């Protein structure tokens, strides 16, 4: 019930300037089970709620590390680009997604100790910022790619 309450009470983002490079460097350092590779990207600042974006990024990086550790590869790579929008990608070499139909359904989880709230909350945060969060299997090899797209305001 507490997980549902967290999901239902997501506050509106408090927009302020957020420098993406420093945010990603900080979030990558939170993961201590493996060293997450952070590829350099453009120095860019967007209008966003830094705390909410941090939570979103922690969730998808944690999921990527879990997947990588499941297969023993442990490789996770985070990168970002700027075109008409900001795109942050998190790639892992885990087993990939068995199915995508229930990924963003509240309380659906494939993890023994999962709550089924992390991806739903993450997508809600992305959408509250006018963006999107999608997951897909890699076209070649094993693994998954999470793509967070946010508008440049």
Foldseek 3Di string as FASTA:
>chain_A
DVLVVCLVPDDQWDWDKDWVVVLVVVLQVVDDPDRAAEDDEDGDIATTRSVLVSLLVNLVQVVQQVQQVQVPNSYWYWYWYDDQWIKIKIKHQGQWDPDDPCLQPAQDDPDPPDRRRNVVSSQVRLVSQVWGWDKGFDPDHGIIMIMTIHGHD
